């Protein structure tokens, strides 16, 4: 009995010591991070696997003038197309340069896809067929190569890094998507200080939009009181981007009236505290164009037309267990 009690005491003491050590490491890492901006410390030859889910949705809403009796009203008519694509991404740090940046190899395979629409009109059927044809060319195993700085800035991406979403110029959402689909996170030029919010203006210029303004904001989120983390310590980074402007050129410029553009993106990334590697992420972005048409006799306000591109991304690390394959998987790595 005495031996059992001694063993039990030793196990409890060891568990307490281990927990205390983790807390001390967590606290020390925070203290170090608060004095300078957080940066990645890449490990050459490290390999991590992720499951990535993407939902892209095209929406349109027209206000159609409709007479009811002696009065004219605006009748909203909406339509949408949606594509869901999932795949496995295996990320390898090929090498690390003297400045700390890394050469990354990202292999994509185990694809699945699903297409749907609001109705079965001939126009929707044609658009769905075009989307399916474009996706069939993209949903094949591929290997991407790019460079990533210690702050997570990426260079060297090509158009094949993201599936087609049918965006007109300026392809601001496509540019965001190319980086948002990568299983990493861009780190802010701010110390890792929990609960401190930052916001800064961004200079944005497009040939098709004028009077543009942009901003970026973010925060290292505080862990809610009473919440105890399980497993290794993590930290959450939340960022938001905004761009607005007037559409004065390109395919989206109206023949009459005016149009405004608005881009909004959000990202919530969960990072391992020791080296800031990505554990999971939820990201979304919308690109809205609002056309205000010429006034119509009998209406108090001119009719409007709205077009929206919406994308939602979910990224989940799956090193401990095999990456799940989504239902209805249509392609795989052997293709």
C-alpha atoms as a PDB file:
ATOM      1  CA  UNK A   1       0.000   0.000   0.000  1.00  0.00           C
ATOM      2  CA  UNK A   2       2.817   2.368   0.828  1.00  0.00           C
ATOM      3  CA  UNK A   3       4.479   1.635  -2.526  1.00  0.00           C
ATOM      4  CA  UNK A   4       1.223   2.347  -4.371  1.00  0.00           C
ATOM      5  CA  UNK A   5       0.769   5.623  -2.518  1.00  0.00           C
ATOM      6  CA  UNK A   6       4.334   6.593  -3.347  1.00  0.00           C
ATOM      7  CA  UNK A   7       3.803   5.845  -7.034  1.00  0.00           C
ATOM      8  CA  UNK A   8       0.540   7.782  -7.032  1.00  0.00           C
ATOM      9  CA  UNK A   9       2.248  10.717  -5.336  1.00  0.00           C
ATOM     10  CA  UNK A  10       5.060  10.617  -7.916  1.00  0.00           C
ATOM     11  CA  UNK A  11       2.604  10.592 -10.839  1.00  0.00           C
ATOM     12  CA  UNK A  12       0.637  13.509  -9.398  1.00  0.00           C
ATOM     13  CA  UNK A  13       3.804  15.472  -8.721  1.00  0.00           C
ATOM     14  CA  UNK A  14       5.100  14.803 -12.234  1.00  0.00           C
ATOM     15  CA  UNK A  15       1.787  15.921 -13.786  1.00  0.00           C
ATOM     16  CA  UNK A  16       1.826  19.091 -11.674  1.00  0.00           C
ATOM     17  CA  UNK A  17       5.436  19.776 -12.647  1.00  0.00           C
ATOM     18  CA  UNK A  18       4.662  19.228 -16.354  1.00  0.00           C
ATOM     19  CA  UNK A  19       1.613  21.503 -16.266  1.00  0.00           C
ATOM     20  CA  UNK A  20       3.588  24.183 -14.433  1.00  0.00           C
ATOM     21  CA  UNK A  21       6.381  23.893 -16.986  1.00  0.00           C
ATOM     22  CA  UNK A  22       3.923  24.370 -19.862  1.00  0.00           C
ATOM     23  CA  UNK A  23       2.439  27.437 -18.183  1.00  0.00           C
ATOM     24  CA  UNK A  24       5.911  28.912 -17.600  1.00  0.00           C
ATOM     25  CA  UNK A  25       6.833  28.267 -21.248  1.00  0.00           C
ATOM     26  CA  UNK A  26       3.553  29.829 -22.394  1.00  0.00           C
ATOM     27  CA  UNK A  27       4.110  32.909 -20.221  1.00  0.00           C
ATOM     28  CA  UNK A  28       7.742  33.278 -21.270  1.00  0.00           C
ATOM     29  CA  UNK A  29       6.810  33.064 -24.947  1.00  0.00           C
ATOM     30  CA  UNK A  30       4.204  35.790 -24.504  1.00  0.00           C
ATOM     31  CA  UNK A  31       6.673  38.059 -22.730  1.00  0.00           C
ATOM     32  CA  UNK A  32       9.210  37.632 -25.556  1.00  0.00           C
ATOM     33  CA  UNK A  33       6.575  38.161 -28.243  1.00  0.00           C
ATOM     34  CA  UNK A  34       5.181  41.353 -26.715  1.00  0.00           C
ATOM     35  CA  UNK A  35       8.401  43.307 -27.243  1.00  0.00           C
ATOM     36  CA  UNK A  36       8.820  42.669 -30.998  1.00  0.00           C
ATOM     37  CA  UNK A  37       6.553  41.625 -33.908  1.00  0.00           C
ATOM     38  CA  UNK A  38       5.911  37.892 -34.071  1.00  0.00           C
ATOM     39  CA  UNK A  39       7.897  36.021 -36.738  1.00  0.00           C
ATOM     40  CA  UNK A  40       8.047  32.471 -38.000  1.00  0.00           C
ATOM     41  CA  UNK A  41      10.984  30.188 -37.265  1.00  0.00           C
ATOM     42  CA  UNK A  42      10.809  27.675 -40.110  1.00  0.00           C
ATOM     43  CA  UNK A  43      12.197  24.163 -39.746  1.00  0.00           C
ATOM     44  CA  UNK A  44      13.633  22.718 -42.931  1.00  0.00           C
ATOM     45  CA  UNK A  45      12.066  19.431 -44.107  1.00  0.00           C
ATOM     46  CA  UNK A  46       9.060  19.780 -41.765  1.00  0.00           C
ATOM     47  CA  UNK A  47       5.854  18.388 -43.289  1.00  0.00           C
ATOM     48  CA  UNK A  48       2.250  19.159 -42.306  1.00  0.00           C
ATOM     49  CA  UNK A  49      -1.040  18.008 -43.844  1.00  0.00           C
ATOM     50  CA  UNK A  50      -4.300  19.973 -43.932  1.00  0.00           C
ATOM     51  CA  UNK A  51      -7.861  19.546 -45.147  1.00  0.00           C
ATOM     52  CA  UNK A  52      -9.134  22.642 -46.983  1.00  0.00           C
ATOM     53  CA  UNK A  53     -12.800  23.339 -47.735  1.00  0.00           C
ATOM     54  CA  UNK A  54     -13.847  26.176 -50.033  1.00  0.00           C
ATOM     55  CA  UNK A  55     -17.353  27.426 -50.756  1.00  0.00           C
ATOM     56  CA  UNK A  56     -17.737  29.996 -53.544  1.00  0.00           C
ATOM     57  CA  UNK A  57     -21.119  31.595 -54.213  1.00  0.00           C
ATOM     58  CA  UNK A  58     -22.245  33.980 -56.958  1.00  0.00           C
ATOM     59  CA  UNK A  59     -25.361  35.999 -56.103  1.00  0.00           C
ATOM     60  CA  UNK A  60     -27.383  38.559 -58.055  1.00  0.00           C
ATOM     61  CA  UNK A  61     -30.428  40.606 -57.131  1.00  0.00           C
ATOM     62  CA  UNK A  62     -32.397  42.735 -59.568  1.00  0.00           C
ATOM     63  CA  UNK A  63     -35.084  45.271 -58.635  1.00  0.00           C
ATOM     64  CA  UNK A  64     -37.559  44.902 -61.490  1.00  0.00           C
ATOM     65  CA  UNK A  65     -40.160  47.693 -61.911  1.00  0.00           C
ATOM     66  CA  UNK A  66     -43.615  46.080 -61.760  1.00  0.00           C
ATOM     67  CA  UNK A  67     -46.978  47.861 -61.965  1.00  0.00           C
ATOM     68  CA  UNK A  68     -49.606  46.969 -59.389  1.00  0.00           C
ATOM     69  CA  UNK A  69     -52.793  48.815 -60.156  1.00  0.00           C
ATOM     70  CA  UNK A  70     -51.982  52.448 -60.810  1.00  0.00           C
ATOM     71  CA  UNK A  71     -48.664  52.355 -58.922  1.00  0.00           C
ATOM     72  CA  UNK A  72     -45.202  51.129 -59.830  1.00  0.00           C
ATOM     73  CA  UNK A  73     -43.209  48.957 -57.419  1.00  0.00           C
ATOM     74  CA  UNK A  74     -39.778  47.358 -57.395  1.00  0.00           C
ATOM     75  CA  UNK A  75     -39.916  43.577 -57.343  1.00  0.00           C
ATOM     76  CA  UNK A  76     -36.680  41.903 -56.125  1.00  0.00           C
ATOM     77  CA  UNK A  77     -35.562  38.914 -58.179  1.00  0.00           C
ATOM     78  CA  UNK A  78     -32.599  36.925 -56.860  1.00  0.00           C
ATOM     79  CA  UNK A  79     -30.431  34.171 -58.285  1.00  0.00           C
ATOM     80  CA  UNK A  80     -27.366  32.242 -57.077  1.00  0.00           C
ATOM     81  CA  UNK A  81     -24.803  29.645 -58.079  1.00  0.00           C
ATOM     82  CA  UNK A  82     -22.619  27.775 -55.599  1.00  0.00           C
ATOM     83  CA  UNK A  83     -19.558  25.564 -55.825  1.00  0.00           C
ATOM     84  CA  UNK A  84     -18.066  23.559 -52.954  1.00  0.00           C
ATOM     85  CA  UNK A  85     -14.526  22.258 -53.372  1.00  0.00           C
ATOM     86  CA  UNK A  86     -12.395  20.325 -50.863  1.00  0.00           C
ATOM     87  CA  UNK A  87      -8.884  18.916 -51.029  1.00  0.00           C
ATOM     88  CA  UNK A  88      -5.868  17.827 -49.018  1.00  0.00           C
ATOM     89  CA  UNK A  89      -2.786  20.072 -48.878  1.00  0.00           C
ATOM     90  CA  UNK A  90       0.579  18.670 -47.802  1.00  0.00           C
ATOM     91  CA  UNK A  91       2.945  21.514 -46.949  1.00  0.00           C
ATOM     92  CA  UNK A  92       6.718  20.959 -46.861  1.00  0.00           C
ATOM     93  CA  UNK A  93       9.385  23.470 -45.866  1.00  0.00           C
ATOM     94  CA  UNK A  94      11.934  22.598 -48.563  1.00  0.00           C
ATOM     95  CA  UNK A  95      14.696  24.919 -47.332  1.00  0.00           C
ATOM     96  CA  UNK A  96      15.340  27.937 -45.128  1.00  0.00           C
ATOM     97  CA  UNK A  97      17.432  30.894 -46.358  1.00  0.00           C
ATOM     98  CA  UNK A  98      19.886  32.932 -44.309  1.00  0.00           C
ATOM     99  CA  UNK A  99      17.300  35.702 -43.857  1.00  0.00           C
ATOM    100  CA  UNK A 100      14.910  33.158 -42.324  1.00  0.00           C
ATOM    101  CA  UNK A 101      12.525  32.986 -45.291  1.00  0.00           C
ATOM    102  CA  UNK A 102      11.491  29.574 -46.564  1.00  0.00           C
ATOM    103  CA  UNK A 103      10.931  27.782 -49.850  1.00  0.00           C
ATOM    104  CA  UNK A 104       7.576  26.003 -49.571  1.00  0.00           C
ATOM    105  CA  UNK A 105       6.247  23.043 -51.531  1.00  0.00           C
ATOM    106  CA  UNK A 106       2.500  22.432 -51.328  1.00  0.00           C
ATOM    107  CA  UNK A 107       0.971  19.306 -52.838  1.00  0.00           C
ATOM    108  CA  UNK A 108      -2.780  19.298 -53.546  1.00  0.00           C
ATOM    109  CA  UNK A 109      -4.772  16.082 -54.039  1.00  0.00           C
ATOM    110  CA  UNK A 110      -7.874  14.136 -52.891  1.00  0.00           C
ATOM    111  CA  UNK A 111     -10.282  16.617 -54.474  1.00  0.00           C
ATOM    112  CA  UNK A 112     -14.050  16.635 -54.178  1.00  0.00           C
ATOM    113  CA  UNK A 113     -16.592  19.049 -55.625  1.00  0.00           C
ATOM    114  CA  UNK A 114     -20.288  19.889 -55.647  1.00  0.00           C
ATOM    115  CA  UNK A 115     -22.211  22.421 -57.750  1.00  0.00           C
ATOM    116  CA  UNK A 116     -25.703  23.796 -57.146  1.00  0.00           C
ATOM    117  CA  UNK A 117     -27.957  26.712 -58.152  1.00  0.00           C
ATOM    118  CA  UNK A 118     -31.159  28.469 -57.128  1.00  0.00           C
ATOM    119  CA  UNK A 119     -33.142  27.132 -60.112  1.00  0.00           C
ATOM    120  CA  UNK A 120     -32.848  25.080 -63.296  1.00  0.00           C
ATOM    121  CA  UNK A 121     -33.140  27.818 -65.899  1.00  0.00           C
ATOM    122  CA  UNK A 122     -31.226  27.453 -69.154  1.00  0.00           C
ATOM    123  CA  UNK A 123     -28.872  30.286 -68.156  1.00  0.00           C
ATOM    124  CA  UNK A 124     -28.062  28.616 -64.829  1.00  0.00           C
ATOM    125  CA  UNK A 125     -27.526  25.249 -66.489  1.00  0.00           C
ATOM    126  CA  UNK A 126     -25.039  26.819 -68.901  1.00  0.00           C
ATOM    127  CA  UNK A 127     -23.196  28.620 -66.078  1.00  0.00           C
ATOM    128  CA  UNK A 128     -23.035  25.402 -64.060  1.00  0.00           C
ATOM    129  CA  UNK A 129     -21.679  23.528 -67.071  1.00  0.00           C
ATOM    130  CA  UNK A 130     -19.010  26.206 -67.547  1.00  0.00           C
ATOM    131  CA  UNK A 131     -18.068  26.032 -63.860  1.00  0.00           C
ATOM    132  CA  UNK A 132     -17.883  22.245 -63.948  1.00  0.00           C
ATOM    133  CA  UNK A 133     -15.642  22.357 -67.009  1.00  0.00           C
ATOM    134  CA  UNK A 134     -13.319  24.906 -65.369  1.00  0.00           C
ATOM    135  CA  UNK A 135     -13.181  22.936 -62.112  1.00  0.00           C
ATOM    136  CA  UNK A 136     -12.451  19.643 -63.888  1.00  0.00           C
ATOM    137  CA  UNK A 137      -9.289  21.243 -65.271  1.00  0.00           C
ATOM    138  CA  UNK A 138      -8.281  22.564 -61.836  1.00  0.00           C
ATOM    139  CA  UNK A 139      -9.239  19.548 -59.683  1.00  0.00           C
ATOM    140  CA  UNK A 140      -6.199  17.481 -60.545  1.00  0.00           C
ATOM    141  CA  UNK A 141      -3.221  16.691 -58.302  1.00  0.00           C
ATOM    142  CA  UNK A 142      -0.684  19.494 -58.491  1.00  0.00           C
ATOM    143  CA  UNK A 143       2.367  20.842 -56.698  1.00  0.00           C
ATOM    144  CA  UNK A 144       2.782  24.532 -55.886  1.00  0.00           C
ATOM    145  CA  UNK A 145       6.084  26.245 -55.082  1.00  0.00           C
ATOM    146  CA  UNK A 146       6.397  29.661 -53.440  1.00  0.00           C
ATOM    147  CA  UNK A 147       8.554  31.641 -51.020  1.00  0.00           C
ATOM    148  CA  UNK A 148       7.342  32.716 -47.600  1.00  0.00           C
ATOM    149  CA  UNK A 149       8.967  35.431 -45.480  1.00  0.00           C
ATOM    150  CA  UNK A 150       9.290  35.218 -41.690  1.00  0.00           C
ATOM    151  CA  UNK A 151       6.160  37.369 -41.407  1.00  0.00           C
ATOM    152  CA  UNK A 152       4.211  34.992 -43.650  1.00  0.00           C
ATOM    153  CA  UNK A 153       4.214  37.159 -46.795  1.00  0.00           C
ATOM    154  CA  UNK A 154       4.019  34.954 -49.887  1.00  0.00           C
ATOM    155  CA  UNK A 155       5.578  35.477 -53.321  1.00  0.00           C
ATOM    156  CA  UNK A 156       5.730  33.293 -56.400  1.00  0.00           C
ATOM    157  CA  UNK A 157       2.111  32.119 -56.528  1.00  0.00           C
ATOM    158  CA  UNK A 158       0.543  31.439 -59.908  1.00  0.00           C
ATOM    159  CA  UNK A 159      -3.053  31.452 -61.155  1.00  0.00           C
ATOM    160  CA  UNK A 160      -3.357  27.680 -60.651  1.00  0.00           C
ATOM    161  CA  UNK A 161      -3.101  28.148 -56.874  1.00  0.00           C
ATOM    162  CA  UNK A 162      -6.872  28.692 -56.574  1.00  0.00           C
ATOM    163  CA  UNK A 163      -9.935  27.407 -58.434  1.00  0.00           C
ATOM    164  CA  UNK A 164     -11.683  29.764 -60.912  1.00  0.00           C
ATOM    165  CA  UNK A 165     -14.502  31.886 -59.468  1.00  0.00           C
ATOM    166  CA  UNK A 166     -15.444  33.980 -62.512  1.00  0.00           C
ATOM    167  CA  UNK A 167     -14.381  37.380 -61.154  1.00  0.00           C
ATOM    168  CA  UNK A 168     -14.175  40.439 -63.414  1.00  0.00           C
ATOM    169  CA  UNK A 169     -11.277  42.878 -63.186  1.00  0.00           C
ATOM    170  CA  UNK A 170     -10.035  44.055 -60.803  1.00  0.00           C
ATOM    171  CA  UNK A 171      -9.657  40.536 -59.402  1.00  0.00           C
ATOM    172  CA  UNK A 172      -9.231  41.679 -55.825  1.00  0.00           C
ATOM    173  CA  UNK A 173     -11.049  38.672 -54.347  1.00  0.00           C
ATOM    174  CA  UNK A 174      -9.030  36.250 -56.481  1.00  0.00           C
ATOM    175  CA  UNK A 175      -5.788  37.861 -55.268  1.00  0.00           C
ATOM    176  CA  UNK A 176      -6.983  37.499 -51.665  1.00  0.00           C
ATOM    177  CA  UNK A 177      -8.077  33.907 -52.310  1.00  0.00           C
ATOM    178  CA  UNK A 178      -4.680  32.840 -53.674  1.00  0.00           C
ATOM    179  CA  UNK A 179      -3.123  33.592 -50.270  1.00  0.00           C
ATOM    180  CA  UNK A 180      -6.104  32.794 -48.017  1.00  0.00           C
ATOM    181  CA  UNK A 181      -6.126  29.198 -49.273  1.00  0.00           C
ATOM    182  CA  UNK A 182      -2.559  28.636 -48.134  1.00  0.00           C
ATOM    183  CA  UNK A 183      -2.253  26.749 -44.803  1.00  0.00           C
ATOM    184  CA  UNK A 184      -0.391  29.584 -43.086  1.00  0.00           C
ATOM    185  CA  UNK A 185      -1.136  33.097 -41.807  1.00  0.00           C
ATOM    186  CA  UNK A 186       0.324  36.517 -42.577  1.00  0.00           C
ATOM    187  CA  UNK A 187       1.629  37.935 -39.293  1.00  0.00           C
ATOM    188  CA  UNK A 188       1.086  41.635 -38.485  1.00  0.00           C
ATOM    189  CA  UNK A 189       3.883  44.112 -37.903  1.00  0.00           C
ATOM    190  CA  UNK A 190       2.730  44.441 -34.315  1.00  0.00           C
ATOM    191  CA  UNK A 191       3.926  42.713 -31.129  1.00  0.00           C
ATOM    192  CA  UNK A 192       1.983  39.703 -29.929  1.00  0.00           C
ATOM    193  CA  UNK A 193       0.098  41.613 -27.232  1.00  0.00           C
ATOM    194  CA  UNK A 194      -3.180  39.933 -26.350  1.00  0.00           C
ATOM    195  CA  UNK A 195      -6.252  42.154 -26.548  1.00  0.00           C
ATOM    196  CA  UNK A 196      -4.579  45.089 -28.313  1.00  0.00           C
ATOM    197  CA  UNK A 197      -6.445  46.141 -31.469  1.00  0.00           C
ATOM    198  CA  UNK A 198      -4.743  47.848 -34.394  1.00  0.00           C
ATOM    199  CA  UNK A 199      -5.995  49.486 -37.576  1.00  0.00           C
ATOM    200  CA  UNK A 200      -4.126  51.126 -40.437  1.00  0.00           C
ATOM    201  CA  UNK A 201      -5.082  52.633 -43.813  1.00  0.00           C
ATOM    202  CA  UNK A 202      -3.969  50.912 -46.995  1.00  0.00           C
ATOM    203  CA  UNK A 203      -3.249  52.507 -50.369  1.00  0.00           C
ATOM    204  CA  UNK A 204      -5.274  50.765 -53.090  1.00  0.00           C
ATOM    205  CA  UNK A 205      -5.320  51.606 -56.812  1.00  0.00           C
ATOM    206  CA  UNK A 206      -7.198  49.852 -59.615  1.00  0.00           C
ATOM    207  CA  UNK A 207      -7.695  50.882 -63.227  1.00  0.00           C
ATOM    208  CA  UNK A 208     -11.413  50.013 -63.061  1.00  0.00           C
ATOM    209  CA  UNK A 209     -12.197  51.630 -59.656  1.00  0.00           C
ATOM    210  CA  UNK A 210     -11.568  55.239 -58.669  1.00  0.00           C
ATOM    211  CA  UNK A 211     -11.671  57.062 -55.345  1.00  0.00           C
ATOM    212  CA  UNK A 212     -10.639  53.851 -53.633  1.00  0.00           C
ATOM    213  CA  UNK A 213      -9.815  53.627 -49.949  1.00  0.00           C
ATOM    214  CA  UNK A 214      -8.669  50.650 -47.916  1.00  0.00           C
ATOM    215  CA  UNK A 215      -7.892  49.626 -44.374  1.00  0.00           C
ATOM    216  CA  UNK A 216      -6.618  46.629 -42.438  1.00  0.00           C
ATOM    217  CA  UNK A 217      -7.234  45.864 -38.781  1.00  0.00           C
ATOM    218  CA  UNK A 218      -6.609  43.005 -36.414  1.00  0.00           C
ATOM    219  CA  UNK A 219      -6.128  41.688 -32.909  1.00  0.00           C
ATOM    220  CA  UNK A 220      -4.397  38.889 -31.022  1.00  0.00           C
ATOM    221  CA  UNK A 221      -7.475  37.631 -29.174  1.00  0.00           C
ATOM    222  CA  UNK A 222      -7.598  37.230 -25.408  1.00  0.00           C
ATOM    223  CA  UNK A 223      -8.574  33.768 -24.165  1.00  0.00           C
ATOM    224  CA  UNK A 224     -11.969  34.133 -22.419  1.00  0.00           C
ATOM    225  CA  UNK A 225     -11.902  33.846 -18.634  1.00  0.00           C
ATOM    226  CA  UNK A 226     -12.571  30.317 -17.406  1.00  0.00           C
ATOM    227  CA  UNK A 227     -11.531  28.677 -20.697  1.00  0.00           C
ATOM    228  CA  UNK A 228      -8.727  26.130 -20.267  1.00  0.00           C
ATOM    229  CA  UNK A 229      -6.783  25.070 -23.323  1.00  0.00           C
ATOM    230  CA  UNK A 230      -6.209  21.396 -23.972  1.00  0.00           C
ATOM    231  CA  UNK A 231      -3.088  20.151 -25.675  1.00  0.00           C
ATOM    232  CA  UNK A 232      -0.329  22.521 -26.681  1.00  0.00           C
ATOM    233  CA  UNK A 233      -0.838  26.267 -26.081  1.00  0.00           C
ATOM    234  CA  UNK A 234      -2.298  28.236 -28.994  1.00  0.00           C
ATOM    235  CA  UNK A 235      -3.073  31.847 -29.810  1.00  0.00           C
ATOM    236  CA  UNK A 236      -5.742  33.286 -32.147  1.00  0.00           C
ATOM    237  CA  UNK A 237      -5.139  36.013 -34.715  1.00  0.00           C
ATOM    238  CA  UNK A 238      -8.105  37.897 -36.181  1.00  0.00           C
ATOM    239  CA  UNK A 239      -7.705  40.249 -39.161  1.00  0.00           C
ATOM    240  CA  UNK A 240     -10.086  42.290 -41.331  1.00  0.00           C
ATOM    241  CA  UNK A 241      -9.590  44.043 -44.680  1.00  0.00           C
ATOM    242  CA  UNK A 242     -11.837  46.637 -46.371  1.00  0.00           C
ATOM    243  CA  UNK A 243     -11.748  48.268 -49.821  1.00  0.00           C
ATOM    244  CA  UNK A 244     -14.342  50.665 -51.298  1.00  0.00           C
ATOM    245  CA  UNK A 245     -14.476  52.615 -54.537  1.00  0.00           C
ATOM    246  CA  UNK A 246     -16.539  53.786 -57.507  1.00  0.00           C
ATOM    247  CA  UNK A 247     -16.732  51.587 -60.616  1.00  0.00           C
ATOM    248  CA  UNK A 248     -15.696  53.816 -63.509  1.00  0.00           C
ATOM    249  CA  UNK A 249     -14.211  51.326 -65.976  1.00  0.00           C
ATOM    250  CA  UNK A 250     -14.051  47.720 -67.085  1.00  0.00           C
ATOM    251  CA  UNK A 251     -16.832  45.216 -67.746  1.00  0.00           C
ATOM    252  CA  UNK A 252     -18.761  46.208 -64.603  1.00  0.00           C
ATOM    253  CA  UNK A 253     -19.140  49.893 -65.507  1.00  0.00           C
ATOM    254  CA  UNK A 254     -22.852  50.545 -66.118  1.00  0.00           C
ATOM    255  CA  UNK A 255     -24.006  52.014 -69.436  1.00  0.00           C
ATOM    256  CA  UNK A 256     -26.104  54.457 -67.423  1.00  0.00           C
ATOM    257  CA  UNK A 257     -26.341  55.396 -63.790  1.00  0.00           C
ATOM    258  CA  UNK A 258     -23.491  54.628 -61.372  1.00  0.00           C
ATOM    259  CA  UNK A 259     -21.901  51.718 -59.526  1.00  0.00           C
ATOM    260  CA  UNK A 260     -19.999  51.310 -56.266  1.00  0.00           C
ATOM    261  CA  UNK A 261     -17.702  48.490 -55.142  1.00  0.00           C
ATOM    262  CA  UNK A 262     -17.034  47.063 -51.697  1.00  0.00           C
ATOM    263  CA  UNK A 263     -14.616  44.316 -50.678  1.00  0.00           C
ATOM    264  CA  UNK A 264     -14.610  42.869 -47.148  1.00  0.00           C
ATOM    265  CA  UNK A 265     -12.458  40.009 -45.834  1.00  0.00           C
ATOM    266  CA  UNK A 266     -12.055  38.372 -42.429  1.00  0.00           C
ATOM    267  CA  UNK A 267      -9.669  35.728 -41.114  1.00  0.00           C
ATOM    268  CA  UNK A 268      -9.483  33.906 -37.787  1.00  0.00           C
ATOM    269  CA  UNK A 269      -6.343  31.773 -37.481  1.00  0.00           C
ATOM    270  CA  UNK A 270      -5.421  29.496 -34.589  1.00  0.00           C
ATOM    271  CA  UNK A 271      -1.638  29.231 -34.266  1.00  0.00           C
ATOM    272  CA  UNK A 272       0.615  27.071 -32.112  1.00  0.00           C
ATOM    273  CA  UNK A 273       2.311  29.394 -29.635  1.00  0.00           C
ATOM    274  CA  UNK A 274       5.774  27.830 -29.793  1.00  0.00           C
ATOM    275  CA  UNK A 275       6.406  28.382 -33.526  1.00  0.00           C
ATOM    276  CA  UNK A 276       3.138  29.988 -34.770  1.00  0.00           C
ATOM    277  CA  UNK A 277       2.418  27.162 -37.232  1.00  0.00           C
ATOM    278  CA  UNK A 278      -1.201  27.089 -38.369  1.00  0.00           C
ATOM    279  CA  UNK A 279      -3.546  24.685 -36.562  1.00  0.00           C
ATOM    280  CA  UNK A 280      -6.855  25.826 -38.083  1.00  0.00           C
ATOM    281  CA  UNK A 281      -8.429  28.803 -39.835  1.00  0.00           C
ATOM    282  CA  UNK A 282     -11.834  30.186 -40.798  1.00  0.00           C
ATOM    283  CA  UNK A 283     -11.747  32.821 -43.536  1.00  0.00           C
ATOM    284  CA  UNK A 284     -14.315  34.606 -45.675  1.00  0.00           C
ATOM    285  CA  UNK A 285     -14.522  37.434 -48.190  1.00  0.00           C
ATOM    286  CA  UNK A 286     -17.217  39.238 -50.190  1.00  0.00           C
ATOM    287  CA  UNK A 287     -16.986  41.424 -53.275  1.00  0.00           C
ATOM    288  CA  UNK A 288     -20.121  43.525 -53.839  1.00  0.00           C
ATOM    289  CA  UNK A 289     -20.987  45.681 -56.841  1.00  0.00           C
ATOM    290  CA  UNK A 290     -24.099  47.868 -56.481  1.00  0.00           C
ATOM    291  CA  UNK A 291     -25.447  49.412 -59.677  1.00  0.00           C
ATOM    292  CA  UNK A 292     -27.901  52.320 -59.384  1.00  0.00           C
ATOM    293  CA  UNK A 293     -29.757  52.628 -62.701  1.00  0.00           C
ATOM    294  CA  UNK A 294     -31.485  55.559 -64.350  1.00  0.00           C
ATOM    295  CA  UNK A 295     -34.674  56.821 -62.642  1.00  0.00           C
ATOM    296  CA  UNK A 296     -37.953  55.242 -63.740  1.00  0.00           C
ATOM    297  CA  UNK A 297     -41.100  57.308 -64.001  1.00  0.00           C
ATOM    298  CA  UNK A 298     -43.487  56.506 -61.179  1.00  0.00           C
ATOM    299  CA  UNK A 299     -40.777  55.291 -58.760  1.00  0.00           C
ATOM    300  CA  UNK A 300     -39.514  57.289 -55.809  1.00  0.00           C
ATOM    301  CA  UNK A 301     -36.050  55.720 -56.099  1.00  0.00           C
ATOM    302  CA  UNK A 302     -34.151  54.447 -59.150  1.00  0.00           C
ATOM    303  CA  UNK A 303     -33.891  50.644 -59.436  1.00  0.00           C
ATOM    304  CA  UNK A 304     -30.724  48.920 -58.291  1.00  0.00           C
ATOM    305  CA  UNK A 305     -28.891  45.755 -59.206  1.00  0.00           C
ATOM    306  CA  UNK A 306     -26.480  43.958 -56.888  1.00  0.00           C
ATOM    307  CA  UNK A 307     -23.870  41.367 -57.798  1.00  0.00           C
ATOM    308  CA  UNK A 308     -21.936  39.553 -55.103  1.00  0.00           C
ATOM    309  CA  UNK A 309     -19.076  37.071 -54.954  1.00  0.00           C
ATOM    310  CA  UNK A 310     -18.761  35.280 -51.621  1.00  0.00           C
ATOM    311  CA  UNK A 311     -16.117  32.770 -50.557  1.00  0.00           C
ATOM    312  CA  UNK A 312     -15.777  30.846 -47.285  1.00  0.00           C
ATOM    313  CA  UNK A 313     -12.698  28.823 -46.332  1.00  0.00           C
ATOM    314  CA  UNK A 314     -12.077  26.266 -43.602  1.00  0.00           C
ATOM    315  CA  UNK A 315      -8.572  24.902 -42.954  1.00  0.00           C
ATOM    316  CA  UNK A 316      -7.859  22.136 -40.436  1.00  0.00           C
ATOM    317  CA  UNK A 317      -4.564  20.443 -39.641  1.00  0.00           C
ATOM    318  CA  UNK A 318      -4.787  16.652 -39.841  1.00  0.00           C
ATOM    319  CA  UNK A 319      -1.361  15.342 -38.900  1.00  0.00           C
ATOM    320  CA  UNK A 320      -2.610  13.244 -35.968  1.00  0.00           C
ATOM    321  CA  UNK A 321      -5.235  11.425 -38.034  1.00  0.00           C
ATOM    322  CA  UNK A 322      -5.615  10.997 -41.804  1.00  0.00           C
ATOM    323  CA  UNK A 323      -7.240  13.924 -43.572  1.00  0.00           C
ATOM    324  CA  UNK A 324     -10.939  13.082 -44.086  1.00  0.00           C
ATOM    325  CA  UNK A 325     -12.277  12.813 -47.611  1.00  0.00           C
ATOM    326  CA  UNK A 326     -15.494  14.744 -48.160  1.00  0.00           C
ATOM    327  CA  UNK A 327     -18.658  12.916 -49.168  1.00  0.00           C
ATOM    328  CA  UNK A 328     -19.091  12.622 -52.890  1.00  0.00           C
ATOM    329  CA  UNK A 329     -15.362  12.690 -53.577  1.00  0.00           C
ATOM    330  CA  UNK A 330     -15.017  12.862 -57.336  1.00  0.00           C
ATOM    331  CA  UNK A 331     -11.239  12.839 -57.833  1.00  0.00           C
ATOM    332  CA  UNK A 332      -8.251  11.552 -55.966  1.00  0.00           C
ATOM    333  CA  UNK A 333      -4.494  11.600 -55.889  1.00  0.00           C
ATOM    334  CA  UNK A 334      -4.158   8.676 -58.299  1.00  0.00           C
ATOM    335  CA  UNK A 335      -5.619  10.654 -61.136  1.00  0.00           C
END
